[in-house]
Amino acid sequence: MGVMEFGRLWAIQGSLAQAARDAARTAAITDSDTHGATKFGEVFWAIAPLDDDSLTGSTPVRSGTPGEESCRWTVEVTYTTKAMTGFWPGNIPIRAQGAMRCNG
């Protein structure tokens, strides 16, 4: 059961990280949080989601002014799930972050 749980959580974390990176990249290239959030939804998929799973922070946020070196688009996302077998009690938060300099 532990191998199944770990494999599922690892797959969720991998797809969550990829979606966060792609959302930040799309937002940086298009200078649009809406396009970045849409890209996140297209890329992210969860294995065996449970009814009470939750996702927060999937909309990219820009810090700084476009054209300046410090300008960045970031996505800090948390996906909260429970163990599918009940092997671990309680909620399991899975976090990922993606960042990209403005204008790619």
PDB file of N, CA and C in Angstrom:
ATOM      1  N   MET A   1       0.825  -1.195   0.000  1.00  0.00           N
ATOM      2  CA  MET A   1       0.000   0.000   0.000  1.00  0.00           C
ATOM      3  C   MET A   1       0.870   1.261   0.000  1.00  0.00           C
ATOM      4  N   GLY A   2       1.986   1.178   0.727  1.00  0.00           N
ATOM      5  CA  GLY A   2       2.877   2.330   0.787  1.00  0.00           C
ATOM      6  C   GLY A   2       3.446   2.705  -0.570  1.00  0.00           C
ATOM      7  N   VAL A   3       3.791   1.698  -1.367  1.00  0.00           N
ATOM      8  CA  VAL A   3       4.328   1.949  -2.712  1.00  0.00           C
ATOM      9  C   VAL A   3       3.271   2.616  -3.584  1.00  0.00           C
ATOM     10  N   MET A   4       2.036   2.143  -3.483  1.00  0.00           N
ATOM     11  CA  MET A   4       0.952   2.757  -4.268  1.00  0.00           C
ATOM     12  C   MET A   4       0.728   4.204  -3.861  1.00  0.00           C
ATOM     13  N   GLU A   5       0.685   4.455  -2.555  1.00  0.00           N
ATOM     14  CA  GLU A   5       0.477   5.820  -2.065  1.00  0.00           C
ATOM     15  C   GLU A   5       1.612   6.738  -2.506  1.00  0.00           C
ATOM     16  N   PHE A   6       2.859   6.287  -2.302  1.00  0.00           N
ATOM     17  CA  PHE A   6       4.007   7.098  -2.667  1.00  0.00           C
ATOM     18  C   PHE A   6       4.026   7.383  -4.169  1.00  0.00           C
ATOM     19  N   GLY A   7       3.764   6.373  -4.974  1.00  0.00           N
ATOM     20  CA  GLY A   7       3.748   6.558  -6.427  1.00  0.00           C
ATOM     21  C   GLY A   7       2.706   7.569  -6.864  1.00  0.00           C
ATOM     22  N   ARG A   8       1.514   7.489  -6.285  1.00  0.00           N
ATOM     23  CA  ARG A   8       0.446   8.435  -6.627  1.00  0.00           C
ATOM     24  C   ARG A   8       0.829   9.859  -6.232  1.00  0.00           C
ATOM     25  N   LEU A   9       1.356  10.030  -5.009  1.00  0.00           N
ATOM     26  CA  LEU A   9       1.738  11.362  -4.540  1.00  0.00           C
ATOM     27  C   LEU A   9       2.898  11.924  -5.354  1.00  0.00           C
ATOM     28  N   TRP A  10       3.834  11.082  -5.736  1.00  0.00           N
ATOM     29  CA  TRP A  10       4.966  11.516  -6.549  1.00  0.00           C
ATOM     30  C   TRP A  10       4.495  11.962  -7.934  1.00  0.00           C
ATOM     31  N   ALA A  11       3.566  11.224  -8.521  1.00  0.00           N
ATOM     32  CA  ALA A  11       3.017  11.596  -9.830  1.00  0.00           C
ATOM     33  C   ALA A  11       2.256  12.919  -9.745  1.00  0.00           C
ATOM     34  N   ILE A  12       1.489  13.111  -8.688  1.00  0.00           N
ATOM     35  CA  ILE A  12       0.767  14.377  -8.511  1.00  0.00           C
ATOM     36  C   ILE A  12       1.762  15.520  -8.372  1.00  0.00           C
ATOM     37  N   GLN A  13       2.815  15.329  -7.576  1.00  0.00           N
ATOM     38  CA  GLN A  13       3.799  16.399  -7.380  1.00  0.00           C
ATOM     39  C   GLN A  13       4.507  16.728  -8.689  1.00  0.00           C
ATOM     40  N   GLY A  14       4.846  15.725  -9.470  1.00  0.00           N
ATOM     41  CA  GLY A  14       5.511  15.961 -10.751  1.00  0.00           C
ATOM     42  C   GLY A  14       4.645  16.738 -11.721  1.00  0.00           C
ATOM     43  N   SER A  15       3.376  16.362 -11.831  1.00  0.00           N
ATOM     44  CA  SER A  15       2.488  17.080 -12.754  1.00  0.00           C
ATOM     45  C   SER A  15       2.162  18.478 -12.220  1.00  0.00           C
ATOM     46  N   LEU A  16       2.107  18.628 -10.901  1.00  0.00           N
ATOM     47  CA  LEU A  16       1.863  19.942 -10.306  1.00  0.00           C
ATOM     48  C   LEU A  16       3.041  20.885 -10.577  1.00  0.00           C
ATOM     49  N   ALA A  17       4.264  20.381 -10.432  1.00  0.00           N
ATOM     50  CA  ALA A  17       5.458  21.188 -10.701  1.00  0.00           C
ATOM     51  C   ALA A  17       5.540  21.586 -12.173  1.00  0.00           C
ATOM     52  N   GLN A  18       5.261  20.650 -13.072  1.00  0.00           N
ATOM     53  CA  GLN A  18       5.297  20.959 -14.504  1.00  0.00           C
ATOM     54  C   GLN A  18       4.245  22.005 -14.856  1.00  0.00           C
ATOM     55  N   ALA A  19       3.052  21.864 -14.298  1.00  0.00           N
ATOM     56  CA  ALA A  19       1.979  22.827 -14.569  1.00  0.00           C
ATOM     57  C   ALA A  19       2.353  24.213 -14.047  1.00  0.00           C
ATOM     58  N   ALA A  20       2.980  24.292 -12.875  1.00  0.00           N
ATOM     59  CA  ALA A  20       3.388  25.585 -12.313  1.00  0.00           C
ATOM     60  C   ALA A  20       4.449  26.251 -13.198  1.00  0.00           C
ATOM     61  N   ARG A  21       5.418  25.470 -13.666  1.00  0.00           N
ATOM     62  CA  ARG A  21       6.455  26.030 -14.557  1.00  0.00           C
ATOM     63  C   ARG A  21       5.851  26.509 -15.878  1.00  0.00           C
ATOM     64  N   ASP A  22       4.985  25.696 -16.466  1.00  0.00           N
ATOM     65  CA  ASP A  22       4.369  26.080 -17.738  1.00  0.00           C
ATOM     66  C   ASP A  22       3.460  27.293 -17.580  1.00  0.00           C
ATOM     67  N   ALA A  23       2.745  27.394 -16.466  1.00  0.00           N
ATOM     68  CA  ALA A  23       1.881  28.549 -16.231  1.00  0.00           C
ATOM     69  C   ALA A  23       2.705  29.820 -16.084  1.00  0.00           C
ATOM     70  N   ALA A  24       3.823  29.756 -15.345  1.00  0.00           N
ATOM     71  CA  ALA A  24       4.689  30.925 -15.188  1.00  0.00           C
ATOM     72  C   ALA A  24       5.296  31.338 -16.529  1.00  0.00           C
ATOM     73  N   ARG A  25       5.723  30.361 -17.319  1.00  0.00           N
ATOM     74  CA  ARG A  25       6.307  30.652 -18.637  1.00  0.00           C
ATOM     75  C   ARG A  25       5.283  31.308 -19.565  1.00  0.00           C
ATOM     76  N   THR A  26       4.065  30.766 -19.591  1.00  0.00           N
ATOM     77  CA  THR A  26       3.006  31.325 -20.442  1.00  0.00           C
ATOM     78  C   THR A  26       2.648  32.732 -20.008  1.00  0.00           C
ATOM     79  N   ALA A  27       2.536  32.953 -18.695  1.00  0.00           N
ATOM     80  CA  ALA A  27       2.223  34.297 -18.190  1.00  0.00           C
ATOM     81  C   ALA A  27       3.327  35.291 -18.548  1.00  0.00           C
ATOM     82  N   ALA A  28       4.582  34.862 -18.461  1.00  0.00           N
ATOM     83  CA  ALA A  28       5.701  35.752 -18.782  1.00  0.00           C
ATOM     84  C   ALA A  28       5.730  36.117 -20.257  1.00  0.00           C
ATOM     85  N   ILE A  29       5.455  35.153 -21.103  1.00  0.00           N
ATOM     86  CA  ILE A  29       5.497  35.412 -22.544  1.00  0.00           C
ATOM     87  C   ILE A  29       4.319  36.272 -22.993  1.00  0.00           C
ATOM     88  N   THR A  30       3.126  36.003 -22.453  1.00  0.00           N
ATOM     89  CA  THR A  30       1.919  36.738 -22.873  1.00  0.00           C
ATOM     90  C   THR A  30       1.625  37.952 -21.992  1.00  0.00           C
ATOM     91  N   ASP A  31       2.340  38.090 -20.862  1.00  0.00           N
ATOM     92  CA  ASP A  31       2.094  39.136 -19.867  1.00  0.00           C
ATOM     93  C   ASP A  31       0.626  39.116 -19.422  1.00  0.00           C
ATOM     94  N   SER A  32       0.118  37.907 -19.144  1.00  0.00           N
ATOM     95  CA  SER A  32      -1.291  37.734 -18.779  1.00  0.00           C
ATOM     96  C   SER A  32      -1.445  36.630 -17.740  1.00  0.00           C
ATOM     97  N   ASP A  33      -2.007  36.990 -16.580  1.00  0.00           N
ATOM     98  CA  ASP A  33      -2.266  35.962 -15.573  1.00  0.00           C
ATOM     99  C   ASP A  33      -3.373  35.005 -16.019  1.00  0.00           C
ATOM    100  N   THR A  34      -4.311  35.501 -16.825  1.00  0.00           N
ATOM    101  CA  THR A  34      -5.399  34.662 -17.324  1.00  0.00           C
ATOM    102  C   THR A  34      -4.865  33.554 -18.235  1.00  0.00           C
ATOM    103  N   HIS A  35      -3.958  33.912 -19.146  1.00  0.00           N
ATOM    104  CA  HIS A  35      -3.365  32.901 -20.032  1.00  0.00           C
ATOM    105  C   HIS A  35      -2.547  31.885 -19.230  1.00  0.00           C
ATOM    106  N   GLY A  36      -1.847  32.375 -18.201  1.00  0.00           N
ATOM    107  CA  GLY A  36      -1.068  31.478 -17.357  1.00  0.00           C
ATOM    108  C   GLY A  36      -1.952  30.507 -16.595  1.00  0.00           C
ATOM    109  N   ALA A  37      -3.054  30.994 -16.038  1.00  0.00           N
ATOM    110  CA  ALA A  37      -3.981  30.131 -15.296  1.00  0.00           C
ATOM    111  C   ALA A  37      -4.621  29.100 -16.219  1.00  0.00           C
ATOM    112  N   THR A  38      -4.941  29.514 -17.444  1.00  0.00           N
ATOM    113  CA  THR A  38      -5.505  28.580 -18.417  1.00  0.00           C
ATOM    114  C   THR A  38      -4.504  27.483 -18.743  1.00  0.00           C
ATOM    115  N   LYS A  39      -3.245  27.869 -18.934  1.00  0.00           N
ATOM    116  CA  LYS A  39      -2.194  26.894 -19.225  1.00  0.00           C
ATOM    117  C   LYS A  39      -2.031  25.922 -18.065  1.00  0.00           C
ATOM    118  N   PHE A  40      -2.113  26.425 -16.835  1.00  0.00           N
ATOM    119  CA  PHE A  40      -2.012  25.553 -15.675  1.00  0.00           C
ATOM    120  C   PHE A  40      -3.089  24.478 -15.730  1.00  0.00           C
ATOM    121  N   GLY A  41      -4.317  24.879 -16.015  1.00  0.00           N
ATOM    122  CA  GLY A  41      -5.421  23.928 -16.100  1.00  0.00           C
ATOM    123  C   GLY A  41      -5.245  22.911 -17.201  1.00  0.00           C
ATOM    124  N   GLU A  42      -4.624  23.314 -18.317  1.00  0.00           N
ATOM    125  CA  GLU A  42      -4.398  22.393 -19.431  1.00  0.00           C
ATOM    126  C   GLU A  42      -3.339  21.343 -19.088  1.00  0.00           C
ATOM    127  N   VAL A  43      -2.355  21.727 -18.307  1.00  0.00           N
ATOM    128  CA  VAL A  43      -1.220  20.846 -18.042  1.00  0.00           C
ATOM    129  C   VAL A  43      -1.448  19.953 -16.816  1.00  0.00           C
ATOM    130  N   PHE A  44      -2.078  20.512 -15.775  1.00  0.00           N
ATOM    131  CA  PHE A  44      -2.199  19.750 -14.527  1.00  0.00           C
ATOM    132  C   PHE A  44      -3.229  18.640 -14.626  1.00  0.00           C
ATOM    133  N   TRP A  45      -2.863  17.485 -14.182  1.00  0.00           N
ATOM    134  CA  TRP A  45      -3.792  16.366 -14.058  1.00  0.00           C
ATOM    135  C   TRP A  45      -3.431  15.652 -12.768  1.00  0.00           C
ATOM    136  N   ALA A  46      -4.427  15.165 -12.079  1.00  0.00           N
ATOM    137  CA  ALA A  46      -4.187  14.465 -10.814  1.00  0.00           C
ATOM    138  C   ALA A  46      -4.602  13.007 -10.952  1.00  0.00           C
ATOM    139  N   ILE A  47      -3.861  12.147 -10.341  1.00  0.00           N
ATOM    140  CA  ILE A  47      -4.160  10.721 -10.386  1.00  0.00           C
ATOM    141  C   ILE A  47      -5.122  10.393  -9.252  1.00  0.00           C
ATOM    142  N   ALA A  48      -6.261   9.827  -9.598  1.00  0.00           N
ATOM    143  CA  ALA A  48      -7.281   9.403  -8.636  1.00  0.00           C
ATOM    144  C   ALA A  48      -7.638  10.497  -7.632  1.00  0.00           C
ATOM    145  N   PRO A  49      -8.109  11.665  -8.097  1.00  0.00           N
ATOM    146  CA  PRO A  49      -8.460  12.720  -7.145  1.00  0.00           C
ATOM    147  C   PRO A  49      -9.632  12.289  -6.275  1.00  0.00           C
ATOM    148  N   LEU A  50      -9.598  12.716  -5.048  1.00  0.00           N
ATOM    149  CA  LEU A  50     -10.681  12.432  -4.123  1.00  0.00           C
ATOM    150  C   LEU A  50     -11.649  13.607  -4.115  1.00  0.00           C
ATOM    151  N   ASP A  51     -12.863  13.377  -3.641  1.00  0.00           N
ATOM    152  CA  ASP A  51     -13.890  14.418  -3.670  1.00  0.00           C
ATOM    153  C   ASP A  51     -13.508  15.676  -2.909  1.00  0.00           C
ATOM    154  N   ASP A  52     -12.762  15.539  -1.829  1.00  0.00           N
ATOM    155  CA  ASP A  52     -12.446  16.712  -1.015  1.00  0.00           C
ATOM    156  C   ASP A  52     -11.036  17.260  -1.258  1.00  0.00           C
ATOM    157  N   ASP A  53     -10.394  16.889  -2.370  1.00  0.00           N
ATOM    158  CA  ASP A  53      -9.102  17.478  -2.725  1.00  0.00           C
ATOM    159  C   ASP A  53      -9.294  18.951  -3.041  1.00  0.00           C
ATOM    160  N   SER A  54      -8.262  19.757  -2.778  1.00  0.00           N
ATOM    161  CA  SER A  54      -8.366  21.179  -3.086  1.00  0.00           C
ATOM    162  C   SER A  54      -7.075  21.672  -3.724  1.00  0.00           C
ATOM    163  N   LEU A  55      -7.220  22.707  -4.540  1.00  0.00           N
ATOM    164  CA  LEU A  55      -6.108  23.308  -5.262  1.00  0.00           C
ATOM    165  C   LEU A  55      -6.146  24.806  -5.010  1.00  0.00           C
ATOM    166  N   THR A  56      -5.019  25.382  -4.582  1.00  0.00           N
ATOM    167  CA  THR A  56      -4.949  26.826  -4.361  1.00  0.00           C
ATOM    168  C   THR A  56      -3.689  27.389  -5.007  1.00  0.00           C
ATOM    169  N   GLY A  57      -3.779  28.634  -5.463  1.00  0.00           N
ATOM    170  CA  GLY A  57      -2.620  29.345  -5.974  1.00  0.00           C
ATOM    171  C   GLY A  57      -2.243  29.072  -7.405  1.00  0.00           C
ATOM    172  N   SER A  58      -3.183  28.633  -8.240  1.00  0.00           N
ATOM    173  CA  SER A  58      -2.818  28.271  -9.612  1.00  0.00           C
ATOM    174  C   SER A  58      -2.808  29.451 -10.580  1.00  0.00           C
ATOM    175  N   THR A  59      -3.064  30.661 -10.106  1.00  0.00           N
ATOM    176  CA  THR A  59      -3.019  31.843 -10.961  1.00  0.00           C
ATOM    177  C   THR A  59      -1.663  32.535 -10.807  1.00  0.00           C
ATOM    178  N   PRO A  60      -0.934  32.767 -11.889  1.00  0.00           N
ATOM    179  CA  PRO A  60       0.367  33.432 -11.816  1.00  0.00           C
ATOM    180  C   PRO A  60       0.255  34.860 -11.277  1.00  0.00           C
ATOM    181  N   VAL A  61       1.312  35.294 -10.581  1.00  0.00           N
ATOM    182  CA  VAL A  61       1.371  36.625  -9.998  1.00  0.00           C
ATOM    183  C   VAL A  61       2.650  37.305 -10.480  1.00  0.00           C
ATOM    184  N   ARG A  62       2.517  38.551 -10.955  1.00  0.00           N
ATOM    185  CA  ARG A  62       3.696  39.301 -11.416  1.00  0.00           C
ATOM    186  C   ARG A  62       4.216  40.168 -10.286  1.00  0.00           C
ATOM    187  N   SER A  63       5.528  40.169 -10.114  1.00  0.00           N
ATOM    188  CA  SER A  63       6.168  41.083  -9.175  1.00  0.00           C
ATOM    189  C   SER A  63       7.143  41.939  -9.966  1.00  0.00           C
ATOM    190  N   GLY A  64       7.149  43.209  -9.682  1.00  0.00           N
ATOM    191  CA  GLY A  64       8.026  44.118 -10.405  1.00  0.00           C
ATOM    192  C   GLY A  64       7.348  44.717 -11.625  1.00  0.00           C
ATOM    193  N   THR A  65       8.074  45.578 -12.315  1.00  0.00           N
ATOM    194  CA  THR A  65       7.571  46.276 -13.489  1.00  0.00           C
ATOM    195  C   THR A  65       8.169  45.663 -14.748  1.00  0.00           C
ATOM    196  N   PRO A  66       7.322  45.389 -15.760  1.00  0.00           N
ATOM    197  CA  PRO A  66       7.861  44.833 -17.007  1.00  0.00           C
ATOM    198  C   PRO A  66       8.977  45.722 -17.560  1.00  0.00           C
ATOM    199  N   GLY A  67      10.012  45.091 -18.044  1.00  0.00           N
ATOM    200  CA  GLY A  67      11.157  45.815 -18.581  1.00  0.00           C
ATOM    201  C   GLY A  67      12.289  45.944 -17.573  1.00  0.00           C
ATOM    202  N   GLU A  68      11.994  45.775 -16.295  1.00  0.00           N
ATOM    203  CA  GLU A  68      13.030  45.823 -15.267  1.00  0.00           C
ATOM    204  C   GLU A  68      13.578  44.422 -15.015  1.00  0.00           C
ATOM    205  N   GLU A  69      14.812  44.352 -14.610  1.00  0.00           N
ATOM    206  CA  GLU A  69      15.468  43.071 -14.357  1.00  0.00           C
ATOM    207  C   GLU A  69      14.776  42.264 -13.260  1.00  0.00           C
ATOM    208  N   SER A  70      14.176  42.938 -12.289  1.00  0.00           N
ATOM    209  CA  SER A  70      13.563  42.244 -11.148  1.00  0.00           C
ATOM    210  C   SER A  70      12.153  41.723 -11.432  1.00  0.00           C
ATOM    211  N   CYS A  71      11.615  41.985 -12.608  1.00  0.00           N
ATOM    212  CA  CYS A  71      10.248  41.560 -12.928  1.00  0.00           C
ATOM    213  C   CYS A  71      10.187  40.038 -13.093  1.00  0.00           C
ATOM    214  N   ARG A  72       9.262  39.397 -12.356  1.00  0.00           N
ATOM    215  CA  ARG A  72       9.095  37.945 -12.392  1.00  0.00           C
ATOM    216  C   ARG A  72       7.622  37.569 -12.351  1.00  0.00           C
ATOM    217  N   TRP A  73       7.276  36.483 -13.013  1.00  0.00           N
ATOM    218  CA  TRP A  73       5.971  35.841 -12.881  1.00  0.00           C
ATOM    219  C   TRP A  73       6.196  34.580 -12.063  1.00  0.00           C
ATOM    220  N   THR A  74       5.415  34.393 -11.007  1.00  0.00           N
ATOM    221  CA  THR A  74       5.548  33.204 -10.178  1.00  0.00           C
ATOM    222  C   THR A  74       4.191  32.533  -9.979  1.00  0.00           C
ATOM    223  N   VAL A  75       4.262  31.237  -9.804  1.00  0.00           N
ATOM    224  CA  VAL A  75       3.084  30.431  -9.473  1.00  0.00           C
ATOM    225  C   VAL A  75       3.492  29.572  -8.279  1.00  0.00           C
ATOM    226  N   GLU A  76       2.834  29.774  -7.154  1.00  0.00           N
ATOM    227  CA  GLU A  76       3.070  28.955  -5.965  1.00  0.00           C
ATOM    228  C   GLU A  76       1.759  28.243  -5.667  1.00  0.00           C
ATOM    229  N   VAL A  77       1.723  26.959  -5.924  1.00  0.00           N
ATOM    230  CA  VAL A  77       0.480  26.208  -5.883  1.00  0.00           C
ATOM    231  C   VAL A  77       0.550  25.103  -4.821  1.00  0.00           C
ATOM    232  N   THR A  78      -0.590  24.857  -4.194  1.00  0.00           N
ATOM    233  CA  THR A  78      -0.710  23.778  -3.211  1.00  0.00           C
ATOM    234  C   THR A  78      -1.911  22.918  -3.569  1.00  0.00           C
ATOM    235  N   TYR A  79      -1.692  21.627  -3.643  1.00  0.00           N
ATOM    236  CA  TYR A  79      -2.745  20.657  -3.889  1.00  0.00           C
ATOM    237  C   TYR A  79      -2.851  19.809  -2.633  1.00  0.00           C
ATOM    238  N   THR A  80      -4.012  19.801  -2.004  1.00  0.00           N
ATOM    239  CA  THR A  80      -4.208  19.047  -0.768  1.00  0.00           C
ATOM    240  C   THR A  80      -5.081  17.834  -1.056  1.00  0.00           C
ATOM    241  N   THR A  81      -4.599  16.674  -0.646  1.00  0.00           N
ATOM    242  CA  THR A  81      -5.308  15.414  -0.885  1.00  0.00           C
ATOM    243  C   THR A  81      -5.250  14.559   0.365  1.00  0.00           C
ATOM    244  N   LYS A  82      -5.916  13.454   0.327  1.00  0.00           N
ATOM    245  CA  LYS A  82      -5.846  12.453   1.385  1.00  0.00           C
ATOM    246  C   LYS A  82      -5.287  11.174   0.774  1.00  0.00           C
ATOM    247  N   ALA A  83      -4.808  10.294   1.618  1.00  0.00           N
ATOM    248  CA  ALA A  83      -4.319   9.005   1.140  1.00  0.00           C
ATOM    249  C   ALA A  83      -5.486   8.208   0.558  1.00  0.00           C
ATOM    250  N   MET A  84      -5.277   7.592  -0.591  1.00  0.00           N
ATOM    251  CA  MET A  84      -6.370   6.864  -1.230  1.00  0.00           C
ATOM    252  C   MET A  84      -6.691   5.553  -0.518  1.00  0.00           C
ATOM    253  N   THR A  85      -5.729   5.011   0.212  1.00  0.00           N
ATOM    254  CA  THR A  85      -5.965   3.758   0.927  1.00  0.00           C
ATOM    255  C   THR A  85      -6.241   3.970   2.405  1.00  0.00           C
ATOM    256  N   GLY A  86      -6.074   5.204   2.898  1.00  0.00           N
ATOM    257  CA  GLY A  86      -6.222   5.460   4.325  1.00  0.00           C
ATOM    258  C   GLY A  86      -4.971   5.075   5.102  1.00  0.00           C
ATOM    259  N   PHE A  87      -3.885   4.784   4.396  1.00  0.00           N
ATOM    260  CA  PHE A  87      -2.625   4.376   5.027  1.00  0.00           C
ATOM    261  C   PHE A  87      -2.071   5.484   5.922  1.00  0.00           C
ATOM    262  N   TRP A  88      -2.147   6.746   5.460  1.00  0.00           N
ATOM    263  CA  TRP A  88      -1.757   7.905   6.261  1.00  0.00           C
ATOM    264  C   TRP A  88      -3.014   8.691   6.591  1.00  0.00           C
ATOM    265  N   PRO A  89      -3.210   9.047   7.846  1.00  0.00           N
ATOM    266  CA  PRO A  89      -4.396   9.827   8.215  1.00  0.00           C
ATOM    267  C   PRO A  89      -4.197  11.309   7.899  1.00  0.00           C
ATOM    268  N   GLY A  90      -5.291  12.012   7.728  1.00  0.00           N
ATOM    269  CA  GLY A  90      -5.245  13.461   7.548  1.00  0.00           C
ATOM    270  C   GLY A  90      -4.965  13.916   6.132  1.00  0.00           C
ATOM    271  N   ASN A  91      -4.819  15.234   5.997  1.00  0.00           N
ATOM    272  CA  ASN A  91      -4.562  15.857   4.698  1.00  0.00           C
ATOM    273  C   ASN A  91      -3.074  15.815   4.371  1.00  0.00           C
ATOM    274  N   ILE A  92      -2.784  15.696   3.084  1.00  0.00           N
ATOM    275  CA  ILE A  92      -1.404  15.685   2.597  1.00  0.00           C
ATOM    276  C   ILE A  92      -1.254  16.851   1.626  1.00  0.00           C
ATOM    277  N   PRO A  93      -0.562  17.930   2.044  1.00  0.00           N
ATOM    278  CA  PRO A  93      -0.351  19.052   1.121  1.00  0.00           C
ATOM    279  C   PRO A  93       0.844  18.784   0.210  1.00  0.00           C
ATOM    280  N   ILE A  94       0.657  19.051  -1.077  1.00  0.00           N
ATOM    281  CA  ILE A  94       1.721  18.901  -2.070  1.00  0.00           C
ATOM    282  C   ILE A  94       1.929  20.277  -2.681  1.00  0.00           C
ATOM    283  N   ARG A  95       3.150  20.777  -2.618  1.00  0.00           N
ATOM    284  CA  ARG A  95       3.430  22.139  -3.078  1.00  0.00           C
ATOM    285  C   ARG A  95       4.402  22.131  -4.250  1.00  0.00           C
ATOM    286  N   ALA A  96       4.240  23.136  -5.111  1.00  0.00           N
ATOM    287  CA  ALA A  96       5.157  23.309  -6.238  1.00  0.00           C
ATOM    288  C   ALA A  96       5.248  24.797  -6.562  1.00  0.00           C
ATOM    289  N   GLN A  97       6.323  25.190  -7.194  1.00  0.00           N
ATOM    290  CA  GLN A  97       6.522  26.589  -7.568  1.00  0.00           C
ATOM    291  C   GLN A  97       7.144  26.654  -8.951  1.00  0.00           C
ATOM    292  N   GLY A  98       6.689  27.635  -9.719  1.00  0.00           N
ATOM    293  CA  GLY A  98       7.270  27.926 -11.010  1.00  0.00           C
ATOM    294  C   GLY A  98       7.543  29.414 -11.100  1.00  0.00           C
ATOM    295  N   ALA A  99       8.618  29.807 -11.755  1.00  0.00           N
ATOM    296  CA  ALA A  99       8.966  31.226 -11.886  1.00  0.00           C
ATOM    297  C   ALA A  99       9.621  31.473 -13.234  1.00  0.00           C
ATOM    298  N   MET A 100       9.360  32.652 -13.779  1.00  0.00           N
ATOM    299  CA  MET A 100       9.942  33.029 -15.063  1.00  0.00           C
ATOM    300  C   MET A 100      10.103  34.547 -15.100  1.00  0.00           C
ATOM    301  N   ARG A 101      11.234  34.994 -15.636  1.00  0.00           N
ATOM    302  CA  ARG A 101      11.459  36.423 -15.795  1.00  0.00           C
ATOM    303  C   ARG A 101      10.474  36.996 -16.807  1.00  0.00           C
ATOM    304  N   CYS A 102      10.010  38.199 -16.593  1.00  0.00           N
ATOM    305  CA  CYS A 102       9.060  38.837 -17.499  1.00  0.00           C
ATOM    306  C   CYS A 102       9.602  38.847 -18.925  1.00  0.00           C
ATOM    307  N   ASN A 103       8.732  38.686 -19.873  1.00  0.00           N
ATOM    308  CA  ASN A 103       9.050  38.637 -21.305  1.00  0.00           C
ATOM    309  C   ASN A 103       9.906  37.444 -21.676  1.00  0.00           C
ATOM    310  N   GLY A 104       9.801  36.368 -20.884  1.00  0.00           N
ATOM    311  CA  GLY A 104      10.513  35.124 -21.172  1.00  0.00           C
ATOM    312  C   GLY A 104      11.981  35.278 -21.040  1.00  0.00           C
TER     313      GLY A 104
END
